[in-house]
């Protein structure tokens, strides 16, 4: 009697597993993120950039759309060897953009943002390799064809200054 019950239980589990894995024909496929207008808000940032500060070249940056045009990938490099990468994407569940940054100095950052008044505006926190936390606000603004301004503000004292 026990072996028969075991076989029936095993058959029932296999049947349950099969039906649980089978997709429902009534489900609608998720909307492709590249067709969502919000996911296209950072298209102006894509390209090869010579990064300047006070009129002199300080770095290069390559920004590209990847993962079916759903992710904006940043590849930043300075002549002194410092490098950083970020992934940027519109998170439909939050209704906001997200950016995750990591660099060659052991730093990392997490930011959320919105596209407003012709600019992407991020806020978040950078964690340095030595354990310090830096609050940051960053703005990426399209200035015109082939020109973008990226501005960053930071506070190492919890936003007091």
C-alpha atoms as a PDB file:
ATOM      1  CA  UNK A   1       0.000   0.000   0.000  1.00  0.00           C
ATOM      2  CA  UNK A   2       2.768   2.459   0.848  1.00  0.00           C
ATOM      3  CA  UNK A   3       4.612   2.128  -2.519  1.00  0.00           C
ATOM      4  CA  UNK A   4       1.350   2.833  -4.391  1.00  0.00           C
ATOM      5  CA  UNK A   5       0.711   5.969  -2.304  1.00  0.00           C
ATOM      6  CA  UNK A   6       4.289   7.088  -2.918  1.00  0.00           C
ATOM      7  CA  UNK A   7       3.883   6.652  -6.682  1.00  0.00           C
ATOM      8  CA  UNK A   8       0.611   8.622  -6.602  1.00  0.00           C
ATOM      9  CA  UNK A   9       2.206  11.440  -4.606  1.00  0.00           C
ATOM     10  CA  UNK A  10       5.171  11.553  -6.971  1.00  0.00           C
ATOM     11  CA  UNK A  11       2.815  11.641  -9.991  1.00  0.00           C
ATOM     12  CA  UNK A  12       0.778  14.440  -8.387  1.00  0.00           C
ATOM     13  CA  UNK A  13       3.935  16.482  -7.677  1.00  0.00           C
ATOM     14  CA  UNK A  14       5.157  16.056 -11.239  1.00  0.00           C
ATOM     15  CA  UNK A  15       1.749  17.131 -12.553  1.00  0.00           C
ATOM     16  CA  UNK A  16       1.703  20.155 -10.224  1.00  0.00           C
ATOM     17  CA  UNK A  17       5.219  21.120 -11.237  1.00  0.00           C
ATOM     18  CA  UNK A  18       4.320  20.875 -14.915  1.00  0.00           C
ATOM     19  CA  UNK A  19       1.197  22.982 -14.596  1.00  0.00           C
ATOM     20  CA  UNK A  20       2.913  25.581 -12.409  1.00  0.00           C
ATOM     21  CA  UNK A  21       5.662  26.037 -14.979  1.00  0.00           C
ATOM     22  CA  UNK A  22       3.282  26.274 -17.939  1.00  0.00           C
ATOM     23  CA  UNK A  23       2.559  29.880 -18.913  1.00  0.00           C
ATOM     24  CA  UNK A  24      -1.022  31.037 -18.872  1.00  0.00           C
ATOM     25  CA  UNK A  25      -2.364  31.945 -22.300  1.00  0.00           C
ATOM     26  CA  UNK A  26      -4.301  34.804 -20.735  1.00  0.00           C
ATOM     27  CA  UNK A  27      -1.186  36.627 -19.440  1.00  0.00           C
ATOM     28  CA  UNK A  28      -0.125  39.654 -21.451  1.00  0.00           C
ATOM     29  CA  UNK A  29       3.575  39.988 -22.169  1.00  0.00           C
ATOM     30  CA  UNK A  30       5.388  42.708 -20.226  1.00  0.00           C
ATOM     31  CA  UNK A  31       5.776  45.993 -22.070  1.00  0.00           C
ATOM     32  CA  UNK A  32       9.250  46.343 -23.579  1.00  0.00           C
ATOM     33  CA  UNK A  33      11.135  49.022 -21.637  1.00  0.00           C
ATOM     34  CA  UNK A  34      12.627  50.521 -24.802  1.00  0.00           C
ATOM     35  CA  UNK A  35       9.109  51.487 -25.918  1.00  0.00           C
ATOM     36  CA  UNK A  36       8.412  53.273 -22.624  1.00  0.00           C
ATOM     37  CA  UNK A  37       8.988  57.048 -23.168  1.00  0.00           C
ATOM     38  CA  UNK A  38      10.632  57.443 -19.752  1.00  0.00           C
ATOM     39  CA  UNK A  39      13.297  54.896 -20.714  1.00  0.00           C
ATOM     40  CA  UNK A  40      14.382  57.183 -23.567  1.00  0.00           C
ATOM     41  CA  UNK A  41      14.914  60.309 -21.417  1.00  0.00           C
ATOM     42  CA  UNK A  42      18.699  59.867 -21.208  1.00  0.00           C
ATOM     43  CA  UNK A  43      19.256  59.210 -24.925  1.00  0.00           C
ATOM     44  CA  UNK A  44      20.962  62.619 -25.215  1.00  0.00           C
ATOM     45  CA  UNK A  45      23.796  61.380 -22.957  1.00  0.00           C
ATOM     46  CA  UNK A  46      24.801  58.519 -25.272  1.00  0.00           C
ATOM     47  CA  UNK A  47      28.046  59.062 -27.164  1.00  0.00           C
ATOM     48  CA  UNK A  48      31.812  59.496 -26.870  1.00  0.00           C
ATOM     49  CA  UNK A  49      32.679  62.439 -24.620  1.00  0.00           C
ATOM     50  CA  UNK A  50      35.824  64.402 -23.857  1.00  0.00           C
ATOM     51  CA  UNK A  51      35.305  65.384 -20.208  1.00  0.00           C
ATOM     52  CA  UNK A  52      36.602  68.871 -19.422  1.00  0.00           C
ATOM     53  CA  UNK A  53      36.882  70.917 -16.244  1.00  0.00           C
ATOM     54  CA  UNK A  54      37.695  74.609 -16.426  1.00  0.00           C
ATOM     55  CA  UNK A  55      38.502  74.250 -20.111  1.00  0.00           C
ATOM     56  CA  UNK A  56      41.007  71.403 -19.857  1.00  0.00           C
ATOM     57  CA  UNK A  57      40.550  67.715 -20.683  1.00  0.00           C
ATOM     58  CA  UNK A  58      40.376  65.543 -17.545  1.00  0.00           C
ATOM     59  CA  UNK A  59      38.817  62.266 -18.709  1.00  0.00           C
ATOM     60  CA  UNK A  60      36.989  60.402 -21.429  1.00  0.00           C
ATOM     61  CA  UNK A  61      33.555  58.932 -21.131  1.00  0.00           C
ATOM     62  CA  UNK A  62      31.688  56.532 -23.387  1.00  0.00           C
ATOM     63  CA  UNK A  63      27.958  56.320 -22.803  1.00  0.00           C
ATOM     64  CA  UNK A  64      26.009  53.622 -24.623  1.00  0.00           C
ATOM     65  CA  UNK A  65      22.582  52.056 -24.617  1.00  0.00           C
ATOM     66  CA  UNK A  66      22.747  48.315 -23.876  1.00  0.00           C
ATOM     67  CA  UNK A  67      20.434  45.441 -22.912  1.00  0.00           C
ATOM     68  CA  UNK A  68      17.902  46.077 -25.651  1.00  0.00           C
ATOM     69  CA  UNK A  69      18.292  49.856 -25.228  1.00  0.00           C
ATOM     70  CA  UNK A  70      16.887  49.570 -21.675  1.00  0.00           C
ATOM     71  CA  UNK A  71      20.121  50.400 -19.833  1.00  0.00           C
ATOM     72  CA  UNK A  72      22.409  53.407 -20.216  1.00  0.00           C
ATOM     73  CA  UNK A  73      25.980  52.231 -19.516  1.00  0.00           C
ATOM     74  CA  UNK A  74      28.715  54.717 -18.576  1.00  0.00           C
ATOM     75  CA  UNK A  75      32.413  53.929 -19.016  1.00  0.00           C
ATOM     76  CA  UNK A  76      34.527  56.731 -17.468  1.00  0.00           C
ATOM     77  CA  UNK A  77      38.355  56.882 -17.484  1.00  0.00           C
ATOM     78  CA  UNK A  78      40.965  59.440 -16.395  1.00  0.00           C
ATOM     79  CA  UNK A  79      44.571  59.517 -17.671  1.00  0.00           C
ATOM     80  CA  UNK A  80      45.864  58.792 -14.127  1.00  0.00           C
ATOM     81  CA  UNK A  81      44.224  55.330 -14.189  1.00  0.00           C
ATOM     82  CA  UNK A  82      41.083  56.131 -12.188  1.00  0.00           C
ATOM     83  CA  UNK A  83      38.037  54.463 -13.787  1.00  0.00           C
ATOM     84  CA  UNK A  84      34.370  54.177 -13.051  1.00  0.00           C
ATOM     85  CA  UNK A  85      31.285  52.527 -14.490  1.00  0.00           C
ATOM     86  CA  UNK A  86      27.612  53.164 -14.001  1.00  0.00           C
ATOM     87  CA  UNK A  87      24.420  51.495 -15.080  1.00  0.00           C
ATOM     88  CA  UNK A  88      21.370  53.705 -15.391  1.00  0.00           C
ATOM     89  CA  UNK A  89      17.810  52.588 -16.012  1.00  0.00           C
ATOM     90  CA  UNK A  90      14.236  53.677 -15.564  1.00  0.00           C
ATOM     91  CA  UNK A  91      12.610  51.653 -12.786  1.00  0.00           C
ATOM     92  CA  UNK A  92       8.916  51.570 -13.709  1.00  0.00           C
ATOM     93  CA  UNK A  93       7.917  50.194 -10.296  1.00  0.00           C
ATOM     94  CA  UNK A  94       9.512  53.217  -8.565  1.00  0.00           C
ATOM     95  CA  UNK A  95       8.618  55.704 -11.287  1.00  0.00           C
ATOM     96  CA  UNK A  96      12.215  56.963 -11.093  1.00  0.00           C
ATOM     97  CA  UNK A  97      15.595  56.489 -12.705  1.00  0.00           C
ATOM     98  CA  UNK A  98      18.266  54.537 -10.844  1.00  0.00           C
ATOM     99  CA  UNK A  99      22.024  54.710 -11.150  1.00  0.00           C
ATOM    100  CA  UNK A 100      24.568  52.334  -9.637  1.00  0.00           C
ATOM    101  CA  UNK A 101      28.214  53.451  -9.773  1.00  0.00           C
ATOM    102  CA  UNK A 102      31.426  51.540  -8.983  1.00  0.00           C
ATOM    103  CA  UNK A 103      35.001  52.769  -9.398  1.00  0.00           C
ATOM    104  CA  UNK A 104      38.604  51.605  -9.375  1.00  0.00           C
ATOM    105  CA  UNK A 105      39.243  53.240  -5.970  1.00  0.00           C
ATOM    106  CA  UNK A 106      36.751  50.922  -4.245  1.00  0.00           C
ATOM    107  CA  UNK A 107      33.954  53.472  -4.152  1.00  0.00           C
ATOM    108  CA  UNK A 108      30.327  52.772  -4.952  1.00  0.00           C
ATOM    109  CA  UNK A 109      27.185  54.839  -5.236  1.00  0.00           C
ATOM    110  CA  UNK A 110      23.430  54.396  -5.439  1.00  0.00           C
ATOM    111  CA  UNK A 111      21.238  57.157  -6.818  1.00  0.00           C
ATOM    112  CA  UNK A 112      17.658  57.729  -7.874  1.00  0.00           C
ATOM    113  CA  UNK A 113      16.472  60.509 -10.113  1.00  0.00           C
ATOM    114  CA  UNK A 114      13.900  62.166 -12.296  1.00  0.00           C
ATOM    115  CA  UNK A 115      14.032  63.875 -15.660  1.00  0.00           C
ATOM    116  CA  UNK A 116      12.789  67.434 -15.127  1.00  0.00           C
ATOM    117  CA  UNK A 117      13.277  70.751 -16.937  1.00  0.00           C
ATOM    118  CA  UNK A 118      15.430  69.183 -19.660  1.00  0.00           C
ATOM    119  CA  UNK A 119      17.860  67.509 -17.262  1.00  0.00           C
ATOM    120  CA  UNK A 120      18.331  64.219 -15.427  1.00  0.00           C
ATOM    121  CA  UNK A 121      18.559  64.949 -11.696  1.00  0.00           C
ATOM    122  CA  UNK A 122      19.995  62.262  -9.414  1.00  0.00           C
ATOM    123  CA  UNK A 123      20.340  62.193  -5.625  1.00  0.00           C
ATOM    124  CA  UNK A 124      21.983  59.553  -3.502  1.00  0.00           C
ATOM    125  CA  UNK A 125      24.991  58.466  -1.554  1.00  0.00           C
ATOM    126  CA  UNK A 126      28.533  57.476  -2.444  1.00  0.00           C
ATOM    127  CA  UNK A 127      30.421  55.072  -0.172  1.00  0.00           C
ATOM    128  CA  UNK A 128      34.192  55.487  -0.272  1.00  0.00           C
ATOM    129  CA  UNK A 129      36.629  52.620   0.275  1.00  0.00           C
ATOM    130  CA  UNK A 130      37.643  54.092   3.658  1.00  0.00           C
ATOM    131  CA  UNK A 131      34.045  53.887   4.912  1.00  0.00           C
ATOM    132  CA  UNK A 132      33.094  57.554   4.507  1.00  0.00           C
ATOM    133  CA  UNK A 133      29.680  58.370   3.083  1.00  0.00           C
ATOM    134  CA  UNK A 134      29.141  61.321   0.757  1.00  0.00           C
ATOM    135  CA  UNK A 135      25.691  62.684  -0.067  1.00  0.00           C
ATOM    136  CA  UNK A 136      25.490  63.647  -3.746  1.00  0.00           C
ATOM    137  CA  UNK A 137      23.278  65.532  -6.157  1.00  0.00           C
ATOM    138  CA  UNK A 138      24.099  65.175  -9.843  1.00  0.00           C
ATOM    139  CA  UNK A 139      22.574  66.848 -12.859  1.00  0.00           C
ATOM    140  CA  UNK A 140      23.095  65.755 -16.469  1.00  0.00           C
ATOM    141  CA  UNK A 141      21.886  68.501 -18.826  1.00  0.00           C
ATOM    142  CA  UNK A 142      21.774  68.557 -22.611  1.00  0.00           C
ATOM    143  CA  UNK A 143      23.278  71.878 -23.748  1.00  0.00           C
ATOM    144  CA  UNK A 144      22.781  71.332 -27.459  1.00  0.00           C
ATOM    145  CA  UNK A 145      24.014  69.069 -30.248  1.00  0.00           C
ATOM    146  CA  UNK A 146      27.149  67.280 -29.059  1.00  0.00           C
ATOM    147  CA  UNK A 147      27.278  69.095 -25.705  1.00  0.00           C
ATOM    148  CA  UNK A 148      26.290  67.863 -22.251  1.00  0.00           C
ATOM    149  CA  UNK A 149      27.011  69.319 -18.819  1.00  0.00           C
ATOM    150  CA  UNK A 150      27.311  67.033 -15.830  1.00  0.00           C
ATOM    151  CA  UNK A 151      27.391  68.831 -12.496  1.00  0.00           C
ATOM    152  CA  UNK A 152      27.837  67.207  -9.091  1.00  0.00           C
ATOM    153  CA  UNK A 153      27.359  68.612  -5.600  1.00  0.00           C
ATOM    154  CA  UNK A 154      28.565  66.759  -2.520  1.00  0.00           C
ATOM    155  CA  UNK A 155      28.266  66.902   1.250  1.00  0.00           C
ATOM    156  CA  UNK A 156      30.494  64.926   3.599  1.00  0.00           C
ATOM    157  CA  UNK A 157      28.672  66.127   6.739  1.00  0.00           C
ATOM    158  CA  UNK A 158      25.225  64.626   6.253  1.00  0.00           C
ATOM    159  CA  UNK A 159      23.911  67.558   4.209  1.00  0.00           C
ATOM    160  CA  UNK A 160      24.803  70.359   6.651  1.00  0.00           C
ATOM    161  CA  UNK A 161      27.043  71.964   4.040  1.00  0.00           C
END
